[in-house]
Protein backbone atom coordinates (compact mmCIF):
# COMPACT_ATOMS: atom_id res chain seq x y z
CA UNK A 1 17.83 36.06 -21.76
CA UNK A 2 16.04 32.73 -21.39
CA UNK A 3 12.72 32.35 -19.63
CA UNK A 4 12.86 31.15 -16.05
CA UNK A 5 9.28 29.92 -15.57
CA UNK A 6 6.71 27.92 -17.49
CA UNK A 7 3.87 29.92 -18.95
CA UNK A 8 0.43 28.78 -20.02
CA UNK A 9 1.34 29.26 -23.68
CA UNK A 10 4.50 27.14 -23.23
CA UNK A 11 2.47 24.18 -22.02
CA UNK A 12 -0.50 24.62 -24.31
CA UNK A 13 1.81 24.54 -27.33
CA UNK A 14 2.78 20.94 -26.56
CA UNK A 15 -0.18 19.67 -24.52
CA UNK A 16 -3.01 18.31 -26.65
CA UNK A 17 -6.48 19.77 -26.26
CA UNK A 18 -8.19 18.42 -23.16
CA UNK A 19 -10.75 19.39 -20.61
CA UNK A 20 -7.85 20.29 -18.30
CA UNK A 21 -6.38 22.83 -20.72
CA UNK A 22 -7.54 25.71 -18.50
CA UNK A 23 -4.72 24.66 -16.12
CA UNK A 24 -7.27 24.13 -13.39
CA UNK A 25 -9.68 21.65 -14.85
CA UNK A 26 -11.59 21.69 -11.60
CA UNK A 27 -8.77 19.71 -9.98
CA UNK A 28 -6.44 22.62 -9.25
CA UNK A 29 -3.81 21.46 -11.71
CA UNK A 30 -0.85 23.72 -12.41
CA UNK A 31 0.70 23.91 -15.85
CA UNK A 32 3.37 21.48 -14.69
CA UNK A 33 0.63 19.02 -13.67
CA UNK A 34 -0.72 19.26 -17.21
CA UNK A 35 2.72 18.75 -18.70
CA UNK A 36 3.14 15.64 -16.52
CA UNK A 37 -0.27 14.30 -17.54
CA UNK A 38 0.68 14.61 -21.21
CA UNK A 39 4.27 13.34 -21.01
CA UNK A 40 5.99 16.61 -21.86
CA UNK A 41 7.87 17.67 -18.69
CA UNK A 42 11.21 16.94 -20.31
CA UNK A 43 10.49 19.64 -22.89
CA UNK A 44 10.41 22.18 -20.04
CA UNK A 45 13.16 20.77 -17.83
CA UNK A 46 15.36 23.87 -18.04
CA UNK A 47 12.40 26.03 -17.00
CA UNK A 48 11.09 23.96 -14.08
CA UNK A 49 11.65 25.68 -10.74
CA UNK A 50 11.77 24.07 -7.32
CA UNK A 51 8.68 25.92 -6.11
CA UNK A 52 6.48 24.37 -8.82
CA UNK A 53 7.59 20.74 -8.68
CA UNK A 54 5.91 20.06 -5.34
CA UNK A 55 2.61 21.88 -5.92
CA UNK A 56 -0.39 19.69 -5.14
CA UNK A 57 -3.75 19.71 -6.90
CA UNK A 58 -7.16 19.21 -5.27
CA UNK A 59 -6.49 15.46 -5.03
CA UNK A 60 -3.14 16.02 -3.29
CA UNK A 61 -1.22 14.94 -6.40
CA UNK A 62 2.09 16.48 -7.40
CA UNK A 63 3.33 16.54 -10.99
CA UNK A 64 5.48 13.53 -10.03
CA UNK A 65 2.38 11.52 -9.11
CA UNK A 66 0.84 12.29 -12.50
CA UNK A 67 4.03 11.57 -14.44
CA UNK A 68 4.35 8.20 -12.68
CA UNK A 69 0.67 7.44 -13.25
CA UNK A 70 1.03 8.16 -16.96
CA UNK A 71 4.05 5.84 -17.11
CA UNK A 72 6.51 8.38 -18.50
CA UNK A 73 9.85 7.51 -16.91
CA UNK A 74 11.56 10.40 -18.70
CA UNK A 75 9.22 12.90 -17.01
CA UNK A 76 9.69 11.18 -13.63
CA UNK A 77 13.46 11.46 -14.02
CA UNK A 78 13.17 15.10 -15.14
CA UNK A 79 11.05 16.01 -12.11
CA UNK A 80 13.42 14.21 -9.75
CA UNK A 81 16.38 16.10 -11.22
CA UNK A 82 14.43 19.33 -10.67
CA UNK A 83 14.20 18.55 -6.95
CA UNK A 84 10.71 17.15 -6.49
CA UNK A 85 10.06 15.40 -3.19
CA UNK A 86 9.44 11.73 -3.89
CA UNK A 87 7.87 10.92 -0.51
CA UNK A 88 4.75 13.11 -0.69
CA UNK A 89 1.46 11.19 -0.46
CA UNK A 90 -1.88 11.96 -2.08
CA UNK A 91 -5.13 12.44 -0.19
CA UNK A 92 -5.76 8.70 -0.58
CA UNK A 93 -2.26 7.71 0.51
CA UNK A 94 -0.85 7.02 -2.97
């Protein structure tokens, strides 16, 4: 049976060491936020669930915001296929 959800070890295997590697990083980032920040959402596409794609961190950013900010169109497309809402705004209106 395949896994249905991302785990910390799944993300940390492909996400380089960073100060955010505790999945919170003081910004309230989920593991999917970290994957988006490090351009590796596509590696988890089959495990992304609709409840995690719209989670917001302390800055009001979704994984989609971070994927777009990092310039990874493949991750943006992957998150959109997973059902992320593309009209959510950050705390600053971005």
